[in-house]
C-alpha atoms as a PDB file:
ATOM      1  CA  MET A   1      86.364  65.666 123.024  1.00  0.00           C
ATOM      2  CA  LYS A   2      85.420  61.959 122.833  1.00  0.00           C
ATOM      3  CA  ALA A   3      84.527  60.311 119.510  1.00  0.00           C
ATOM      4  CA  GLN A   4      82.852  57.015 118.724  1.00  0.00           C
ATOM      5  CA  LEU A   5      84.743  54.296 116.912  1.00  0.00           C
ATOM      6  CA  LEU A   6      82.990  51.529 114.975  1.00  0.00           C
ATOM      7  CA  THR A   7      84.306  48.843 112.652  1.00  0.00           C
ATOM      8  CA  LEU A   8      81.753  47.117 110.430  1.00  0.00           C
ATOM      9  CA  SER A   9      82.260  44.013 108.339  1.00  0.00           C
ATOM     10  CA  THR A  10      81.553  44.660 104.639  1.00  0.00           C
ATOM     11  CA  PRO A  11      82.032  42.663 101.435  1.00  0.00           C
ATOM     12  CA  ASP A  12      85.019  44.930 100.761  1.00  0.00           C
ATOM     13  CA  GLY A  13      86.591  44.192 104.157  1.00  0.00           C
ATOM     14  CA  PRO A  14      86.481  45.967 107.504  1.00  0.00           C
ATOM     15  CA  PHE A  15      85.091  49.505 107.346  1.00  0.00           C
ATOM     16  CA  THR A  16      85.953  51.759 110.278  1.00  0.00           C
ATOM     17  CA  ILE A  17      84.133  54.959 111.159  1.00  0.00           C
ATOM     18  CA  ILE A  18      85.183  57.680 113.588  1.00  0.00           C
ATOM     19  CA  ALA A  19      82.214  59.889 114.454  1.00  0.00           C
ATOM     20  CA  ARG A  20      81.327  62.602 116.922  1.00  0.00           C
ATOM     21  CA  GLY A  21      77.895  64.027 117.646  1.00  0.00           C
ATOM     22  CA  GLY A  22      76.291  62.045 114.828  1.00  0.00           C
ATOM     23  CA  ALA A  23      78.757  63.292 112.184  1.00  0.00           C
ATOM     24  CA  VAL A  24      81.498  61.303 110.466  1.00  0.00           C
ATOM     25  CA  LEU A  25      85.008  62.629 111.072  1.00  0.00           C
ATOM     26  CA  ALA A  26      86.789  59.858 109.155  1.00  0.00           C
ATOM     27  CA  SER A  27      86.030  56.504 107.591  1.00  0.00           C
ATOM     28  CA  GLY A  28      87.675  53.902 105.407  1.00  0.00           C
ATOM     29  CA  TRP A  29      88.286  50.259 104.628  1.00  0.00           C
ATOM     30  CA  THR A  30      90.592  49.364 107.477  1.00  0.00           C
ATOM     31  CA  ALA A  31      90.385  47.790 110.913  1.00  0.00           C
ATOM     32  CA  VAL A  32      93.169  50.084 112.155  1.00  0.00           C
ATOM     33  CA  PRO A  33      91.788  53.403 113.477  1.00  0.00           C
ATOM     34  CA  GLY A  34      95.257  54.956 113.289  1.00  0.00           C
ATOM     35  CA  GLU A  35      95.011  54.761 109.500  1.00  0.00           C
ATOM     36  CA  LEU A  36      92.115  57.238 109.735  1.00  0.00           C
ATOM     37  CA  THR A  37      93.185  59.717 112.389  1.00  0.00           C
ATOM     38  CA  GLY A  38      95.893  61.281 110.219  1.00  0.00           C
ATOM     39  CA  GLN A  39      93.215  62.490 107.798  1.00  0.00           C
ATOM     40  CA  ILE A  40      91.269  64.377 110.492  1.00  0.00           C
ATOM     41  CA  HIS A  41      92.049  68.096 110.696  1.00  0.00           C
ATOM     42  CA  THR A  42      93.908  68.906 113.925  1.00  0.00           C
ATOM     43  CA  ASP A  43      91.075  71.240 115.035  1.00  0.00           C
ATOM     44  CA  LEU A  44      88.658  68.289 114.873  1.00  0.00           C
ATOM     45  CA  LEU A  45      90.911  65.525 116.177  1.00  0.00           C
ATOM     46  CA  PRO A  46      89.287  63.752 119.137  1.00  0.00           C
ATOM     47  CA  GLY A  47      91.174  63.451 122.395  1.00  0.00           C
ATOM     48  CA  ASP A  48      89.634  60.093 123.243  1.00  0.00           C
ATOM     49  CA  TYR A  49      87.705  57.289 121.564  1.00  0.00           C
ATOM     50  CA  GLU A  50      84.886  55.043 122.691  1.00  0.00           C
ATOM     51  CA  THR A  51      84.339  51.775 120.811  1.00  0.00           C
ATOM     52  CA  VAL A  52      80.650  51.289 119.995  1.00  0.00           C
ATOM     53  CA  THR A  53      78.605  48.523 118.343  1.00  0.00           C
ATOM     54  CA  GLU A  54      76.484  50.806 116.142  1.00  0.00           C
ATOM     55  CA  LEU A  55      76.129  54.430 115.111  1.00  0.00           C
ATOM     56  CA  GLY A  56      72.422  54.710 114.273  1.00  0.00           C
ATOM     57  CA  GLY A  57      71.857  56.305 110.870  1.00  0.00           C
ATOM     58  CA  ILE A  58      75.562  56.203 110.042  1.00  0.00           C
ATOM     59  CA  SER A  59      75.739  52.411 110.450  1.00  0.00           C
ATOM     60  CA  ALA A  60      72.409  52.016 108.649  1.00  0.00           C
ATOM     61  CA  ALA A  61      73.695  54.039 105.676  1.00  0.00           C
ATOM     62  CA  VAL A  62      76.690  51.704 105.278  1.00  0.00           C
ATOM     63  CA  GLU A  63      74.400  48.669 105.468  1.00  0.00           C
ATOM     64  CA  ASP A  64      72.034  50.292 102.928  1.00  0.00           C
ATOM     65  CA  PHE A  65      74.955  50.982 100.581  1.00  0.00           C
ATOM     66  CA  TYR A  66      75.979  47.347 100.593  1.00  0.00           C
ATOM     67  CA  ALA A  67      72.331  46.264 100.182  1.00  0.00           C
ATOM     68  CA  GLY A  68      72.158  48.206  96.894  1.00  0.00           C
ATOM     69  CA  ASN A  69      70.918  51.591  98.095  1.00  0.00           C
ATOM     70  CA  PRO A  70      73.794  54.123  98.027  1.00  0.00           C
ATOM     71  CA  GLY A  71      71.581  57.184  98.585  1.00  0.00           C
ATOM     72  CA  PRO A  72      71.363  57.308 102.397  1.00  0.00           C
ATOM     73  CA  ALA A  73      75.146  57.685 102.773  1.00  0.00           C
ATOM     74  CA  MET A  74      74.865  61.145 101.176  1.00  0.00           C
ATOM     75  CA  ALA A  75      72.498  62.278 103.952  1.00  0.00           C
ATOM     76  CA  VAL A  76      74.908  61.337 106.761  1.00  0.00           C
ATOM     77  CA  PRO A  77      76.439  64.450 108.328  1.00  0.00           C
ATOM     78  CA  VAL A  78      80.183  64.773 107.768  1.00  0.00           C
ATOM     79  CA  LEU A  79      82.572  67.054 109.628  1.00  0.00           C
ATOM     80  CA  GLN A  80      85.761  67.944 107.728  1.00  0.00           C
ATOM     81  CA  LYS A  81      87.790  71.121 107.721  1.00  0.00           C
ATOM     82  CA  SER A  82      90.015  72.669 105.068  1.00  0.00           C
ATOM     83  CA  GLY A  83      90.217  75.707 102.817  1.00  0.00           C
ATOM     84  CA  PRO A  84      87.254  77.108 100.872  1.00  0.00           C
ATOM     85  CA  PHE A  85      87.864  75.274  97.566  1.00  0.00           C
ATOM     86  CA  ARG A  86      88.439  71.875  99.145  1.00  0.00           C
ATOM     87  CA  GLY A  87      85.453  72.214 101.499  1.00  0.00           C
ATOM     88  CA  HIS A  88      83.216  73.174  98.579  1.00  0.00           C
ATOM     89  CA  ALA A  89      84.657  70.375  96.448  1.00  0.00           C
ATOM     90  CA  TRP A  90      83.788  67.835  99.166  1.00  0.00           C
ATOM     91  CA  ASP A  91      80.202  69.128  99.171  1.00  0.00           C
ATOM     92  CA  VAL A  92      80.100  68.825  95.379  1.00  0.00           C
ATOM     93  CA  LEU A  93      81.241  65.187  95.553  1.00  0.00           C
ATOM     94  CA  ARG A  94      78.106  64.388  97.520  1.00  0.00           C
ATOM     95  CA  THR A  95      76.012  65.536  94.535  1.00  0.00           C
ATOM     96  CA  VAL A  96      77.637  63.167  92.012  1.00  0.00           C
ATOM     97  CA  ALA A  97      75.035  60.533  91.231  1.00  0.00           C
ATOM     98  CA  PRO A  98      75.856  56.938  92.158  1.00  0.00           C
ATOM     99  CA  GLY A  99      76.546  54.880  89.050  1.00  0.00           C
ATOM    100  CA  HIS A 100      77.560  57.966  87.069  1.00  0.00           C
ATOM    101  CA  PRO A 101      81.190  58.772  87.903  1.00  0.00           C
ATOM    102  CA  VAL A 102      82.749  62.013  86.695  1.00  0.00           C
ATOM    103  CA  THR A 103      86.250  62.682  85.465  1.00  0.00           C
ATOM    104  CA  TYR A 104      88.696  64.792  87.442  1.00  0.00           C
ATOM    105  CA  THR A 105      88.191  67.555  84.838  1.00  0.00           C
ATOM    106  CA  GLU A 106      84.397  67.384  85.194  1.00  0.00           C
ATOM    107  CA  TYR A 107      84.782  67.373  88.962  1.00  0.00           C
ATOM    108  CA  ALA A 108      86.933  70.535  88.823  1.00  0.00           C
ATOM    109  CA  GLU A 109      84.297  72.186  86.623  1.00  0.00           C
ATOM    110  CA  LEU A 110      81.465  71.138  88.953  1.00  0.00           C
ATOM    111  CA  SER A 111      83.511  72.586  91.840  1.00  0.00           C
ATOM    112  CA  GLY A 112      83.637  75.964  90.121  1.00  0.00           C
ATOM    113  CA  ASN A 113      87.027  76.076  88.410  1.00  0.00           C
ATOM    114  CA  VAL A 114      87.614  74.007  85.282  1.00  0.00           C
ATOM    115  CA  LYS A 115      91.360  74.769  85.528  1.00  0.00           C
ATOM    116  CA  ALA A 116      91.611  73.401  89.084  1.00  0.00           C
ATOM    117  CA  VAL A 117      91.993  69.742  88.120  1.00  0.00           C
ATOM    118  CA  ARG A 118      94.937  69.228  90.486  1.00  0.00           C
ATOM    119  CA  ALA A 119      93.060  70.928  93.334  1.00  0.00           C
ATOM    120  CA  ALA A 120      90.045  68.704  92.659  1.00  0.00           C
ATOM    121  CA  ALA A 121      92.278  65.616  92.719  1.00  0.00           C
ATOM    122  CA  SER A 122      93.792  66.904  95.965  1.00  0.00           C
ATOM    123  CA  ALA A 123      90.303  67.201  97.470  1.00  0.00           C
ATOM    124  CA  CYS A 124      89.825  63.504  96.717  1.00  0.00           C
ATOM    125  CA  ALA A 125      93.202  62.614  98.201  1.00  0.00           C
ATOM    126  CA  PHE A 126      92.558  64.520 101.438  1.00  0.00           C
ATOM    127  CA  ASN A 127      88.961  63.374 101.890  1.00  0.00           C
ATOM    128  CA  ALA A 128      88.766  61.739 105.323  1.00  0.00           C
ATOM    129  CA  ALA A 129      85.166  60.520 105.049  1.00  0.00           C
ATOM    130  CA  ALA A 130      85.343  57.817 102.376  1.00  0.00           C
ATOM    131  CA  LEU A 131      81.969  56.468 101.219  1.00  0.00           C
ATOM    132  CA  PHE A 132      80.079  59.413 102.795  1.00  0.00           C
ATOM    133  CA  VAL A 133      82.018  61.862 100.613  1.00  0.00           C
ATOM    134  CA  PRO A 134      82.289  59.613  97.558  1.00  0.00           C
ATOM    135  CA  CYS A 135      85.704  60.385  96.098  1.00  0.00           C
ATOM    136  CA  HIS A 136      85.532  56.926  94.507  1.00  0.00           C
ATOM    137  CA  ARG A 137      83.099  58.474  91.971  1.00  0.00           C
ATOM    138  CA  VAL A 138      85.925  60.423  90.298  1.00  0.00           C
ATOM    139  CA  ILE A 139      87.864  58.730  87.491  1.00  0.00           C
ATOM    140  CA  ARG A 140      90.438  59.682  84.891  1.00  0.00           C
ATOM    141  CA  THR A 141      89.457  61.213  81.550  1.00  0.00           C
ATOM    142  CA  ASP A 142      90.455  58.006  79.752  1.00  0.00           C
ATOM    143  CA  GLY A 143      87.973  56.041  81.893  1.00  0.00           C
ATOM    144  CA  SER A 144      90.615  54.357  84.052  1.00  0.00           C
ATOM    145  CA  LEU A 145      90.127  54.433  87.797  1.00  0.00           C
ATOM    146  CA  GLY A 146      92.953  56.755  88.837  1.00  0.00           C
ATOM    147  CA  GLY A 147      93.887  56.503  92.495  1.00  0.00           C
ATOM    148  CA  PHE A 148      92.044  55.610  95.670  1.00  0.00           C
ATOM    149  CA  ARG A 149      93.424  55.614  99.187  1.00  0.00           C
ATOM    150  CA  TRP A 150      91.804  52.261  99.988  1.00  0.00           C
ATOM    151  CA  GLY A 151      92.984  50.507  96.820  1.00  0.00           C
ATOM    152  CA  LEU A 152      91.727  50.208  93.284  1.00  0.00           C
ATOM    153  CA  ALA A 153      89.998  46.867  93.944  1.00  0.00           C
ATOM    154  CA  ILE A 154      87.728  48.555  96.505  1.00  0.00           C
ATOM    155  CA  LYS A 155      87.144  51.569  94.222  1.00  0.00           C
ATOM    156  CA  GLU A 156      86.150  49.235  91.399  1.00  0.00           C
ATOM    157  CA  SER A 157      83.862  47.260  93.728  1.00  0.00           C
ATOM    158  CA  LEU A 158      82.133  50.445  94.927  1.00  0.00           C
ATOM    159  CA  LEU A 159      81.621  51.723  91.384  1.00  0.00           C
ATOM    160  CA  ASP A 160      80.288  48.306  90.256  1.00  0.00           C
ATOM    161  CA  ARG A 161      77.796  48.246  93.150  1.00  0.00           C
ATOM    162  CA  GLU A 162      76.611  51.732  92.272  1.00  0.00           C
ATOM    163  CA  ARG A 163      76.259  50.899  88.559  1.00  0.00           C
ATOM    164  CA  GLN A 164      74.160  47.854  89.470  1.00  0.00           C
ATOM    165  CA  ALA A 165      71.985  49.934  91.809  1.00  0.00           C
ATOM    166  CA  ALA A 166      71.515  52.635  89.145  1.00  0.00           C
ATOM    167  CA  ARG A 167      70.531  49.995  86.554  1.00  0.00           C
ATOM    168  CA  ALA A 168      68.071  48.426  88.981  1.00  0.00           C
ATOM    169  CA  GLN A 169      66.467  51.819  89.652  1.00  0.00           C
ATOM    170  CA  SER A 170      66.118  52.663  85.956  1.00  0.00           C
ATOM    171  CA  ALA A 171      64.839  49.218  84.890  1.00  0.00           C
ATOM    172  CA  PRO A 172      61.184  49.141  83.813  1.00  0.00           C
ATOM    173  CA  ARG A 173      58.867  47.645  86.400  1.00  0.00           C
END
């Protein structure tokens, strides 16, 4: 099955998206599609790719994010496949409010098992749809960033953007 391939220019560098049927299969801050395909479950892996210049609502959500509105990215359909805990944990990540990161322990609790901190961290590590499934919103208990597949500088940039957007939304008008 053919998928669409798009690389957008962002303040954090090139952002590549692999999508099929209006749903994101994989995305991340790279210009090299091969750095994304390894994260796609083999059952979902496209056989062919078509380079496109836009992806409708998916492209618009990335542009909105970088314009200070992170909300639309959570409405973009995402297609990932894994076991029940990880799949649920990815859904839970999409409910974490921008500008209000949670710790790995809080994330495990939100995902239904406070003792599953390692499994929650693993869900972040195996998340193929960066930005649309915001694993960057999970930090260590001590407040440090922890890990991020695309580098800590990008994670910090994303969290800073979301904090600024949250402040702007809560500021009196």
